[in-house]
N, C-alpha and C. Protein backbone atom coordinates (compact mmCIF):
# COMPACT_ATOMS: atom_id res chain seq x y z
N UNK A 1 -55.55 -72.67 -51.73
CA UNK A 1 -54.91 -73.95 -52.03
C UNK A 1 -55.78 -74.70 -53.03
N UNK A 2 -55.16 -75.27 -54.05
CA UNK A 2 -55.96 -76.00 -55.03
C UNK A 2 -56.31 -77.39 -54.51
N UNK A 3 -57.21 -78.06 -55.19
CA UNK A 3 -57.72 -79.37 -54.75
C UNK A 3 -56.60 -80.41 -54.65
N UNK A 4 -55.69 -80.44 -55.64
CA UNK A 4 -54.61 -81.42 -55.60
C UNK A 4 -53.73 -81.20 -54.39
N UNK A 5 -53.39 -79.95 -54.11
CA UNK A 5 -52.57 -79.66 -52.94
C UNK A 5 -53.29 -80.04 -51.65
N UNK A 6 -54.60 -79.84 -51.61
CA UNK A 6 -55.38 -80.23 -50.42
C UNK A 6 -55.33 -81.73 -50.21
N UNK A 7 -55.48 -82.50 -51.27
CA UNK A 7 -55.42 -83.97 -51.17
C UNK A 7 -54.04 -84.42 -50.72
N UNK A 8 -53.00 -83.86 -51.34
CA UNK A 8 -51.64 -84.24 -50.96
C UNK A 8 -51.34 -83.88 -49.51
N UNK A 9 -51.84 -82.74 -49.07
CA UNK A 9 -51.65 -82.33 -47.68
C UNK A 9 -52.35 -83.29 -46.72
N UNK A 10 -53.56 -83.71 -47.08
CA UNK A 10 -54.27 -84.68 -46.24
C UNK A 10 -53.52 -86.01 -46.17
N UNK A 11 -53.05 -86.48 -47.31
CA UNK A 11 -52.31 -87.74 -47.34
C UNK A 11 -51.04 -87.64 -46.50
N UNK A 12 -50.32 -86.57 -46.65
CA UNK A 12 -49.11 -86.36 -45.87
C UNK A 12 -49.42 -86.29 -44.38
N UNK A 13 -50.52 -85.66 -44.05
CA UNK A 13 -50.92 -85.57 -42.65
C UNK A 13 -51.19 -86.92 -42.03
N UNK A 14 -51.69 -87.86 -42.81
CA UNK A 14 -51.91 -89.22 -42.31
C UNK A 14 -50.62 -90.01 -42.30
N UNK A 15 -49.91 -90.02 -43.42
CA UNK A 15 -48.73 -90.88 -43.55
C UNK A 15 -47.57 -90.44 -42.67
N UNK A 16 -47.56 -89.18 -42.24
CA UNK A 16 -46.50 -88.69 -41.35
C UNK A 16 -46.80 -88.91 -39.87
N UNK A 17 -47.98 -89.42 -39.56
CA UNK A 17 -48.33 -89.64 -38.15
C UNK A 17 -47.53 -90.80 -37.58
N UNK A 18 -47.11 -90.69 -36.32
CA UNK A 18 -46.25 -91.73 -35.74
C UNK A 18 -46.92 -93.09 -35.60
N UNK A 19 -48.24 -93.13 -35.50
CA UNK A 19 -48.91 -94.42 -35.34
C UNK A 19 -49.07 -95.20 -36.64
N UNK A 20 -48.74 -94.56 -37.77
CA UNK A 20 -48.75 -95.28 -39.04
C UNK A 20 -47.56 -96.23 -39.02
N UNK A 21 -47.85 -97.48 -39.05
CA UNK A 21 -46.76 -98.45 -38.98
C UNK A 21 -47.25 -99.83 -39.30
N UNK A 22 -46.35 -100.77 -39.18
CA UNK A 22 -46.68 -102.16 -39.46
C UNK A 22 -46.38 -102.56 -40.88
N UNK A 23 -46.13 -101.59 -41.75
CA UNK A 23 -45.92 -101.93 -43.16
C UNK A 23 -44.46 -102.24 -43.45
N UNK A 24 -43.55 -101.76 -42.62
CA UNK A 24 -42.12 -101.85 -42.92
C UNK A 24 -41.60 -103.28 -43.04
N UNK A 25 -42.17 -104.20 -42.28
CA UNK A 25 -41.69 -105.58 -42.28
C UNK A 25 -42.53 -106.53 -43.13
N UNK A 26 -43.57 -106.04 -43.74
CA UNK A 26 -44.48 -106.92 -44.48
C UNK A 26 -43.80 -107.61 -45.65
N UNK A 27 -42.91 -106.92 -46.34
CA UNK A 27 -42.23 -107.53 -47.49
C UNK A 27 -41.51 -108.80 -47.08
N UNK A 28 -40.89 -108.79 -45.92
CA UNK A 28 -40.19 -110.00 -45.44
C UNK A 28 -41.19 -111.10 -45.09
N UNK A 29 -42.34 -110.74 -44.53
CA UNK A 29 -43.37 -111.72 -44.20
C UNK A 29 -43.91 -112.39 -45.47
N UNK A 30 -44.00 -111.63 -46.55
CA UNK A 30 -44.55 -112.14 -47.81
C UNK A 30 -43.58 -113.02 -48.59
N UNK A 31 -42.31 -112.84 -48.37
CA UNK A 31 -41.29 -113.55 -49.15
C UNK A 31 -41.46 -115.06 -49.06
N UNK A 32 -41.56 -115.68 -50.23
CA UNK A 32 -41.66 -117.13 -50.30
C UNK A 32 -43.02 -117.71 -49.97
N UNK A 33 -44.01 -116.88 -49.80
CA UNK A 33 -45.36 -117.34 -49.46
C UNK A 33 -46.33 -117.11 -50.61
N UNK A 34 -47.40 -117.91 -50.62
CA UNK A 34 -48.53 -117.57 -51.50
C UNK A 34 -49.28 -116.46 -50.80
N UNK A 35 -49.67 -115.46 -51.57
CA UNK A 35 -50.30 -114.27 -51.02
C UNK A 35 -51.71 -114.15 -51.59
N UNK A 36 -52.66 -113.90 -50.70
CA UNK A 36 -54.05 -113.69 -51.08
C UNK A 36 -54.45 -112.30 -50.60
N UNK A 37 -55.20 -111.57 -51.42
CA UNK A 37 -55.62 -110.21 -51.09
C UNK A 37 -57.14 -110.15 -51.11
N UNK A 38 -57.71 -109.53 -50.07
CA UNK A 38 -59.17 -109.40 -49.98
C UNK A 38 -59.55 -107.98 -49.59
N UNK A 39 -60.66 -107.50 -50.11
CA UNK A 39 -61.19 -106.19 -49.76
C UNK A 39 -62.41 -105.93 -50.62
N UNK A 40 -63.21 -104.99 -50.18
CA UNK A 40 -64.44 -104.64 -50.90
C UNK A 40 -64.34 -103.20 -51.41
N UNK A 41 -65.10 -102.88 -52.43
CA UNK A 41 -65.19 -101.52 -52.94
C UNK A 41 -63.84 -100.95 -53.36
N UNK A 42 -63.65 -99.66 -53.11
CA UNK A 42 -62.38 -99.02 -53.50
C UNK A 42 -61.21 -99.58 -52.72
N UNK A 43 -61.43 -99.95 -51.47
CA UNK A 43 -60.35 -100.57 -50.70
C UNK A 43 -59.92 -101.87 -51.37
N UNK A 44 -60.88 -102.62 -51.87
CA UNK A 44 -60.57 -103.84 -52.60
C UNK A 44 -59.80 -103.55 -53.87
N UNK A 45 -60.12 -102.44 -54.53
CA UNK A 45 -59.37 -102.05 -55.73
C UNK A 45 -57.92 -101.70 -55.38
N UNK A 46 -57.70 -101.09 -54.23
CA UNK A 46 -56.33 -100.81 -53.79
C UNK A 46 -55.59 -102.14 -53.56
N UNK A 47 -56.30 -103.10 -52.98
CA UNK A 47 -55.72 -104.43 -52.78
C UNK A 47 -55.40 -105.11 -54.10
N UNK A 48 -56.29 -104.98 -55.07
CA UNK A 48 -56.05 -105.57 -56.39
C UNK A 48 -54.84 -104.94 -57.07
N UNK A 49 -54.69 -103.63 -56.93
CA UNK A 49 -53.53 -102.99 -57.55
C UNK A 49 -52.25 -103.46 -56.88
N UNK A 50 -52.30 -103.70 -55.57
CA UNK A 50 -51.16 -104.25 -54.83
C UNK A 50 -50.84 -105.65 -55.34
N UNK A 51 -51.87 -106.47 -55.50
CA UNK A 51 -51.66 -107.84 -56.00
C UNK A 51 -51.03 -107.81 -57.39
N UNK A 52 -51.50 -106.92 -58.24
CA UNK A 52 -50.94 -106.82 -59.59
C UNK A 52 -49.45 -106.49 -59.55
N UNK A 53 -49.09 -105.52 -58.73
CA UNK A 53 -47.68 -105.13 -58.66
C UNK A 53 -46.84 -106.26 -58.06
N UNK A 54 -47.37 -106.96 -57.06
CA UNK A 54 -46.62 -108.10 -56.51
C UNK A 54 -46.40 -109.17 -57.58
N UNK A 55 -47.40 -109.39 -58.42
CA UNK A 55 -47.24 -110.34 -59.53
C UNK A 55 -46.12 -109.89 -60.45
N UNK A 56 -46.08 -108.59 -60.76
CA UNK A 56 -45.01 -108.07 -61.60
C UNK A 56 -43.64 -108.31 -60.97
N UNK A 57 -43.61 -108.35 -59.64
CA UNK A 57 -42.35 -108.55 -58.91
C UNK A 57 -42.04 -110.02 -58.64
N UNK A 58 -42.85 -110.91 -59.23
CA UNK A 58 -42.56 -112.34 -59.15
C UNK A 58 -43.26 -113.10 -58.05
N UNK A 59 -44.15 -112.46 -57.31
CA UNK A 59 -44.86 -113.15 -56.22
C UNK A 59 -45.95 -114.05 -56.78
N UNK A 60 -46.27 -115.10 -56.03
CA UNK A 60 -47.44 -115.92 -56.32
C UNK A 60 -48.58 -115.29 -55.53
N UNK A 61 -49.45 -114.58 -56.22
CA UNK A 61 -50.45 -113.76 -55.55
C UNK A 61 -51.81 -113.93 -56.22
N UNK A 62 -52.85 -113.90 -55.39
CA UNK A 62 -54.22 -114.10 -55.87
C UNK A 62 -55.14 -113.09 -55.21
N UNK A 63 -56.24 -112.77 -55.89
CA UNK A 63 -57.27 -111.91 -55.34
C UNK A 63 -58.46 -112.79 -54.97
N UNK A 64 -58.85 -112.73 -53.71
CA UNK A 64 -59.98 -113.53 -53.23
C UNK A 64 -61.24 -113.15 -54.00
N UNK A 65 -61.95 -114.15 -54.48
CA UNK A 65 -63.19 -113.93 -55.20
C UNK A 65 -63.06 -114.00 -56.71
N UNK A 66 -61.83 -113.97 -57.22
CA UNK A 66 -61.64 -114.11 -58.66
C UNK A 66 -61.81 -115.57 -59.05
N UNK A 67 -62.18 -115.83 -60.27
CA UNK A 67 -62.50 -117.21 -60.69
C UNK A 67 -61.28 -118.13 -60.72
N UNK A 68 -60.08 -117.60 -60.85
CA UNK A 68 -58.90 -118.46 -60.91
C UNK A 68 -58.15 -118.54 -59.58
N UNK A 69 -58.75 -118.04 -58.51
CA UNK A 69 -58.10 -118.06 -57.20
C UNK A 69 -58.23 -119.45 -56.59
N UNK A 70 -57.10 -120.08 -56.23
CA UNK A 70 -57.16 -121.40 -55.61
C UNK A 70 -57.57 -121.30 -54.14
N UNK A 71 -57.73 -122.45 -53.51
CA UNK A 71 -58.05 -122.44 -52.09
C UNK A 71 -56.85 -121.96 -51.30
N UNK A 72 -57.12 -121.27 -50.22
CA UNK A 72 -56.08 -120.79 -49.33
C UNK A 72 -55.76 -121.91 -48.33
N UNK A 73 -54.53 -121.98 -47.90
CA UNK A 73 -54.11 -123.07 -47.02
C UNK A 73 -53.14 -122.55 -45.97
N UNK A 74 -52.93 -123.37 -44.96
CA UNK A 74 -51.98 -123.04 -43.90
C UNK A 74 -50.65 -122.64 -44.54
N UNK A 75 -49.98 -121.70 -43.94
CA UNK A 75 -48.71 -121.16 -44.42
C UNK A 75 -48.89 -120.06 -45.45
N UNK A 76 -50.11 -119.86 -45.99
CA UNK A 76 -50.35 -118.76 -46.90
C UNK A 76 -50.55 -117.48 -46.10
N UNK A 77 -50.52 -116.34 -46.79
CA UNK A 77 -50.73 -115.05 -46.16
C UNK A 77 -51.94 -114.38 -46.80
N UNK A 78 -52.83 -113.87 -45.96
CA UNK A 78 -53.97 -113.09 -46.43
C UNK A 78 -53.73 -111.64 -46.05
N UNK A 79 -53.87 -110.75 -47.02
CA UNK A 79 -53.86 -109.32 -46.75
C UNK A 79 -55.28 -108.82 -46.94
N UNK A 80 -55.88 -108.35 -45.85
CA UNK A 80 -57.27 -107.91 -45.86
C UNK A 80 -57.31 -106.40 -45.69
N UNK A 81 -58.00 -105.72 -46.60
CA UNK A 81 -58.05 -104.26 -46.62
C UNK A 81 -59.47 -103.81 -46.31
N UNK A 82 -59.62 -103.06 -45.23
CA UNK A 82 -60.92 -102.47 -44.89
C UNK A 82 -60.68 -101.25 -44.04
N UNK A 83 -61.06 -100.08 -44.55
CA UNK A 83 -60.88 -98.86 -43.77
C UNK A 83 -61.48 -98.96 -42.40
N UNK A 84 -62.73 -99.34 -42.32
CA UNK A 84 -63.43 -99.43 -41.04
C UNK A 84 -63.02 -100.66 -40.24
N UNK A 85 -62.56 -101.69 -40.95
CA UNK A 85 -62.26 -102.96 -40.28
C UNK A 85 -63.50 -103.76 -39.99
N UNK A 86 -64.63 -103.35 -40.57
CA UNK A 86 -65.90 -104.03 -40.30
C UNK A 86 -66.59 -104.56 -41.56
N UNK A 87 -65.99 -104.41 -42.72
CA UNK A 87 -66.61 -104.91 -43.96
C UNK A 87 -66.88 -106.40 -43.82
N UNK A 88 -68.13 -106.79 -43.87
CA UNK A 88 -68.53 -108.16 -43.52
C UNK A 88 -67.80 -109.23 -44.31
N UNK A 89 -67.74 -109.09 -45.62
CA UNK A 89 -67.09 -110.11 -46.45
C UNK A 89 -65.59 -110.19 -46.14
N UNK A 90 -64.95 -109.06 -45.97
CA UNK A 90 -63.52 -109.03 -45.68
C UNK A 90 -63.23 -109.66 -44.32
N UNK A 91 -64.05 -109.34 -43.33
CA UNK A 91 -63.88 -109.95 -42.00
C UNK A 91 -64.13 -111.45 -42.07
N UNK A 92 -65.13 -111.88 -42.83
CA UNK A 92 -65.41 -113.31 -42.97
C UNK A 92 -64.23 -114.04 -43.59
N UNK A 93 -63.67 -113.47 -44.65
CA UNK A 93 -62.51 -114.08 -45.32
C UNK A 93 -61.32 -114.16 -44.35
N UNK A 94 -61.09 -113.11 -43.60
CA UNK A 94 -59.99 -113.11 -42.62
C UNK A 94 -60.21 -114.17 -41.56
N UNK A 95 -61.44 -114.31 -41.10
CA UNK A 95 -61.77 -115.33 -40.11
C UNK A 95 -61.51 -116.74 -40.66
N UNK A 96 -61.93 -116.98 -41.90
CA UNK A 96 -61.71 -118.28 -42.54
C UNK A 96 -60.22 -118.56 -42.69
N UNK A 97 -59.46 -117.57 -43.13
CA UNK A 97 -58.02 -117.74 -43.28
C UNK A 97 -57.36 -118.05 -41.94
N UNK A 98 -57.80 -117.38 -40.90
CA UNK A 98 -57.26 -117.60 -39.55
C UNK A 98 -57.56 -119.03 -39.09
N UNK A 99 -58.79 -119.49 -39.33
CA UNK A 99 -59.17 -120.86 -38.97
C UNK A 99 -58.29 -121.89 -39.67
N UNK A 100 -57.82 -121.57 -40.87
CA UNK A 100 -57.00 -122.49 -41.65
C UNK A 100 -55.51 -122.38 -41.33
N UNK A 101 -55.15 -121.50 -40.41
CA UNK A 101 -53.77 -121.38 -39.99
C UNK A 101 -52.93 -120.41 -40.81
N UNK A 102 -53.57 -119.52 -41.54
CA UNK A 102 -52.85 -118.54 -42.36
C UNK A 102 -52.44 -117.34 -41.52
N UNK A 103 -51.43 -116.64 -41.98
CA UNK A 103 -51.08 -115.35 -41.41
C UNK A 103 -52.03 -114.33 -42.00
N UNK A 104 -52.62 -113.50 -41.14
CA UNK A 104 -53.55 -112.47 -41.59
C UNK A 104 -52.94 -111.10 -41.32
N UNK A 105 -52.83 -110.32 -42.38
CA UNK A 105 -52.36 -108.94 -42.30
C UNK A 105 -53.55 -108.05 -42.61
N UNK A 106 -53.86 -107.12 -41.71
CA UNK A 106 -54.98 -106.21 -41.90
C UNK A 106 -54.47 -104.81 -42.15
N UNK A 107 -55.04 -104.13 -43.14
CA UNK A 107 -54.80 -102.70 -43.34
C UNK A 107 -56.12 -102.01 -43.03
N UNK A 108 -56.12 -101.19 -41.97
CA UNK A 108 -57.35 -100.60 -41.47
C UNK A 108 -57.07 -99.32 -40.69
N UNK A 109 -58.11 -98.53 -40.49
CA UNK A 109 -57.99 -97.34 -39.64
C UNK A 109 -58.17 -97.69 -38.18
N UNK A 110 -58.75 -98.88 -37.91
CA UNK A 110 -59.15 -99.22 -36.55
C UNK A 110 -58.56 -100.56 -36.10
N UNK A 111 -57.41 -100.54 -35.42
CA UNK A 111 -56.80 -101.78 -34.96
C UNK A 111 -57.69 -102.59 -34.01
N UNK A 112 -58.64 -101.95 -33.34
CA UNK A 112 -59.52 -102.67 -32.41
C UNK A 112 -60.78 -103.20 -33.09
N UNK A 113 -60.89 -103.06 -34.38
CA UNK A 113 -62.07 -103.54 -35.13
C UNK A 113 -62.09 -105.06 -35.20
N UNK A 114 -63.17 -105.59 -35.75
CA UNK A 114 -63.29 -107.04 -35.94
C UNK A 114 -62.15 -107.57 -36.80
N UNK A 115 -61.79 -106.85 -37.85
CA UNK A 115 -60.67 -107.27 -38.69
C UNK A 115 -59.35 -107.19 -37.92
N UNK A 116 -59.16 -106.12 -37.21
CA UNK A 116 -57.94 -105.97 -36.42
C UNK A 116 -57.77 -107.08 -35.39
N UNK A 117 -58.88 -107.51 -34.79
CA UNK A 117 -58.84 -108.58 -33.79
C UNK A 117 -58.39 -109.92 -34.38
N UNK A 118 -58.63 -110.12 -35.67
CA UNK A 118 -58.25 -111.37 -36.34
C UNK A 118 -56.81 -111.35 -36.85
N UNK A 119 -56.23 -110.17 -36.95
CA UNK A 119 -54.95 -110.00 -37.62
C UNK A 119 -53.75 -110.42 -36.77
N UNK A 120 -52.78 -111.00 -37.44
CA UNK A 120 -51.49 -111.26 -36.83
C UNK A 120 -50.62 -110.01 -36.95
N UNK A 121 -50.94 -109.20 -37.95
CA UNK A 121 -50.16 -108.02 -38.26
C UNK A 121 -51.12 -106.93 -38.70
N UNK A 122 -50.97 -105.73 -38.17
CA UNK A 122 -51.87 -104.63 -38.52
C UNK A 122 -51.07 -103.49 -39.12
N UNK A 123 -51.52 -103.02 -40.27
CA UNK A 123 -51.02 -101.77 -40.83
C UNK A 123 -52.08 -100.72 -40.48
N UNK A 124 -51.72 -99.86 -39.55
CA UNK A 124 -52.66 -98.86 -39.05
C UNK A 124 -52.56 -97.60 -39.91
N UNK A 125 -53.68 -97.24 -40.53
CA UNK A 125 -53.76 -96.07 -41.39
C UNK A 125 -54.86 -95.17 -40.82
N UNK A 126 -54.52 -94.20 -39.98
CA UNK A 126 -55.55 -93.39 -39.30
C UNK A 126 -56.16 -92.31 -40.20
N UNK A 127 -56.67 -92.73 -41.34
CA UNK A 127 -57.27 -91.81 -42.31
C UNK A 127 -58.79 -91.83 -42.19
N UNK A 128 -59.42 -90.87 -42.81
CA UNK A 128 -60.88 -90.81 -42.80
C UNK A 128 -61.48 -91.95 -43.60
N UNK A 129 -62.57 -92.50 -43.07
CA UNK A 129 -63.40 -93.45 -43.80
C UNK A 129 -64.78 -92.81 -43.96
N UNK A 130 -65.70 -93.57 -44.52
CA UNK A 130 -67.06 -93.04 -44.71
C UNK A 130 -67.76 -92.79 -43.38
N UNK A 131 -67.26 -93.39 -42.29
CA UNK A 131 -67.92 -93.25 -40.99
C UNK A 131 -67.47 -92.02 -40.21
N UNK A 132 -66.33 -91.45 -40.55
CA UNK A 132 -65.79 -90.26 -39.88
C UNK A 132 -65.75 -90.45 -38.36
N UNK A 133 -65.08 -91.50 -37.92
CA UNK A 133 -64.95 -91.81 -36.49
C UNK A 133 -63.90 -90.92 -35.85
N UNK A 134 -63.92 -90.88 -34.52
CA UNK A 134 -63.05 -89.99 -33.76
C UNK A 134 -61.57 -90.28 -33.99
N UNK A 135 -61.19 -91.53 -34.22
CA UNK A 135 -59.77 -91.88 -34.39
C UNK A 135 -59.26 -91.63 -35.80
N UNK A 136 -60.11 -91.14 -36.69
CA UNK A 136 -59.75 -90.94 -38.08
C UNK A 136 -59.39 -89.47 -38.35
N UNK A 137 -58.43 -89.26 -39.23
CA UNK A 137 -58.08 -87.90 -39.64
C UNK A 137 -59.25 -87.27 -40.39
N UNK A 138 -59.38 -85.98 -40.27
CA UNK A 138 -60.42 -85.26 -41.00
C UNK A 138 -60.08 -85.23 -42.48
N UNK A 139 -61.11 -85.08 -43.32
CA UNK A 139 -60.88 -85.01 -44.76
C UNK A 139 -61.99 -84.21 -45.43
N UNK A 140 -61.58 -83.48 -46.46
CA UNK A 140 -62.56 -82.77 -47.29
C UNK A 140 -63.10 -83.69 -48.38
N UNK A 141 -62.47 -84.85 -48.54
CA UNK A 141 -62.83 -85.77 -49.61
C UNK A 141 -64.00 -86.67 -49.18
N UNK A 142 -64.76 -87.14 -50.14
CA UNK A 142 -65.90 -87.99 -49.80
C UNK A 142 -65.48 -89.38 -49.36
N UNK A 143 -66.31 -89.94 -48.50
CA UNK A 143 -66.23 -91.34 -48.10
C UNK A 143 -64.82 -91.74 -47.67
N UNK A 144 -64.30 -92.84 -48.17
CA UNK A 144 -63.00 -93.33 -47.74
C UNK A 144 -61.86 -93.01 -48.69
N UNK A 145 -62.00 -91.95 -49.46
CA UNK A 145 -60.95 -91.62 -50.43
C UNK A 145 -59.58 -91.48 -49.78
N UNK A 146 -59.51 -90.81 -48.64
CA UNK A 146 -58.22 -90.59 -47.99
C UNK A 146 -57.59 -91.92 -47.54
N UNK A 147 -58.38 -92.81 -46.98
CA UNK A 147 -57.85 -94.13 -46.60
C UNK A 147 -57.33 -94.86 -47.82
N UNK A 148 -58.11 -94.88 -48.89
CA UNK A 148 -57.72 -95.61 -50.09
C UNK A 148 -56.43 -95.06 -50.70
N UNK A 149 -56.30 -93.74 -50.73
CA UNK A 149 -55.09 -93.12 -51.27
C UNK A 149 -53.87 -93.49 -50.43
N UNK A 150 -54.02 -93.43 -49.12
CA UNK A 150 -52.91 -93.76 -48.23
C UNK A 150 -52.57 -95.25 -48.32
N UNK A 151 -53.59 -96.10 -48.43
CA UNK A 151 -53.35 -97.53 -48.58
C UNK A 151 -52.53 -97.79 -49.85
N UNK A 152 -52.89 -97.12 -50.93
CA UNK A 152 -52.16 -97.31 -52.19
C UNK A 152 -50.68 -96.94 -52.03
N UNK A 153 -50.40 -95.83 -51.39
CA UNK A 153 -49.02 -95.39 -51.19
C UNK A 153 -48.27 -96.39 -50.29
N UNK A 154 -48.90 -96.84 -49.23
CA UNK A 154 -48.25 -97.81 -48.34
C UNK A 154 -48.00 -99.13 -49.06
N UNK A 155 -48.95 -99.58 -49.86
CA UNK A 155 -48.73 -100.81 -50.64
C UNK A 155 -47.57 -100.63 -51.62
N UNK A 156 -47.46 -99.46 -52.24
CA UNK A 156 -46.33 -99.22 -53.14
C UNK A 156 -45.00 -99.23 -52.38
N UNK A 157 -45.00 -98.72 -51.16
CA UNK A 157 -43.78 -98.76 -50.33
C UNK A 157 -43.41 -100.21 -50.01
N UNK A 158 -44.41 -101.04 -49.70
CA UNK A 158 -44.16 -102.46 -49.45
C UNK A 158 -43.57 -103.10 -50.71
N UNK A 159 -44.12 -102.75 -51.86
CA UNK A 159 -43.61 -103.31 -53.12
C UNK A 159 -42.16 -102.94 -53.36
N UNK A 160 -41.78 -101.71 -53.03
CA UNK A 160 -40.37 -101.32 -53.18
C UNK A 160 -39.47 -102.19 -52.31
N UNK A 161 -39.90 -102.44 -51.08
CA UNK A 161 -39.10 -103.29 -50.20
C UNK A 161 -39.09 -104.73 -50.70
N UNK A 162 -40.24 -105.21 -51.15
CA UNK A 162 -40.33 -106.57 -51.68
C UNK A 162 -39.40 -106.73 -52.89
N UNK A 163 -39.41 -105.75 -53.78
CA UNK A 163 -38.56 -105.79 -54.97
C UNK A 163 -37.09 -105.86 -54.56
N UNK A 164 -36.73 -105.09 -53.57
CA UNK A 164 -35.35 -105.09 -53.09
C UNK A 164 -34.96 -106.46 -52.52
N UNK A 165 -35.83 -107.05 -51.73
CA UNK A 165 -35.55 -108.38 -51.15
C UNK A 165 -35.47 -109.47 -52.21
N UNK A 166 -36.29 -109.34 -53.25
CA UNK A 166 -36.34 -110.35 -54.30
C UNK A 166 -35.37 -110.07 -55.45
N UNK A 167 -34.61 -108.98 -55.32
CA UNK A 167 -33.67 -108.56 -56.37
C UNK A 167 -34.38 -108.34 -57.71
N UNK A 168 -35.56 -107.72 -57.61
CA UNK A 168 -36.35 -107.38 -58.78
C UNK A 168 -36.17 -105.89 -59.07
N UNK A 169 -36.29 -105.52 -60.33
CA UNK A 169 -36.23 -104.12 -60.71
C UNK A 169 -37.23 -103.87 -61.84
N UNK A 170 -37.20 -102.69 -62.38
CA UNK A 170 -38.15 -102.35 -63.44
C UNK A 170 -38.03 -103.30 -64.63
N UNK A 171 -36.82 -103.65 -64.99
CA UNK A 171 -36.59 -104.52 -66.14
C UNK A 171 -37.21 -105.90 -65.93
N UNK A 172 -36.96 -106.50 -64.78
CA UNK A 172 -37.52 -107.84 -64.53
C UNK A 172 -39.04 -107.78 -64.36
N UNK A 173 -39.52 -106.72 -63.73
CA UNK A 173 -40.98 -106.57 -63.58
C UNK A 173 -41.65 -106.37 -64.94
N UNK A 174 -41.00 -105.65 -65.81
CA UNK A 174 -41.55 -105.40 -67.14
C UNK A 174 -41.72 -106.71 -67.92
N UNK A 175 -40.88 -107.70 -67.67
CA UNK A 175 -40.98 -108.99 -68.34
C UNK A 175 -42.27 -109.71 -67.97
N UNK A 176 -42.83 -109.39 -66.79
CA UNK A 176 -44.08 -110.03 -66.34
C UNK A 176 -45.31 -109.15 -66.62
N UNK A 177 -45.08 -107.94 -67.09
CA UNK A 177 -46.17 -107.03 -67.39
C UNK A 177 -46.95 -107.57 -68.58
N UNK A 178 -48.23 -107.31 -68.62
CA UNK A 178 -49.07 -107.77 -69.72
C UNK A 178 -48.50 -107.33 -71.06
N UNK A 179 -48.45 -108.27 -72.00
CA UNK A 179 -48.00 -107.94 -73.35
C UNK A 179 -49.16 -108.07 -74.34
N UNK A 180 -50.38 -108.04 -73.81
CA UNK A 180 -51.56 -108.22 -74.65
C UNK A 180 -52.39 -106.92 -74.70
N UNK A 181 -51.71 -105.80 -74.57
CA UNK A 181 -52.42 -104.52 -74.60
C UNK A 181 -52.14 -103.76 -75.86
């Protein structure tokens, strides 16, 4: 089996598991809300790519830590991405958002983690992280690659549902795509 087939097989093995859930209703939760995305490292990059696509679909969305990100407030939604659910900065941001009355959505491998405990909504992705814990799927890939890949696919699935709810399509999204490239 070649490397690409091995990666696709691992991703399918995670995404086809019955405990993968929580993502199906997120698009409805996000509708009409300001959305903030937080995460560190590659998981944070998956969150940023999600934020970018939501912007293309007409959402008011921000990435925590960017210079133009406004303050988060009650009624806003925070999406926090951490494979382990223990990334200190991501957990801190989720805790702050919770204190302010925001809805917190966590994407993690560990629903019982510190991040999971703060979440109103959990997207459980039982993929391998750098820690290789017992509840995580095995992987030939280094560190949290499998979690990040699965997170990206799940975020794209959320975007498809969001686009449908907002009556957005490729044409309308293209109007918001960068024209400075």
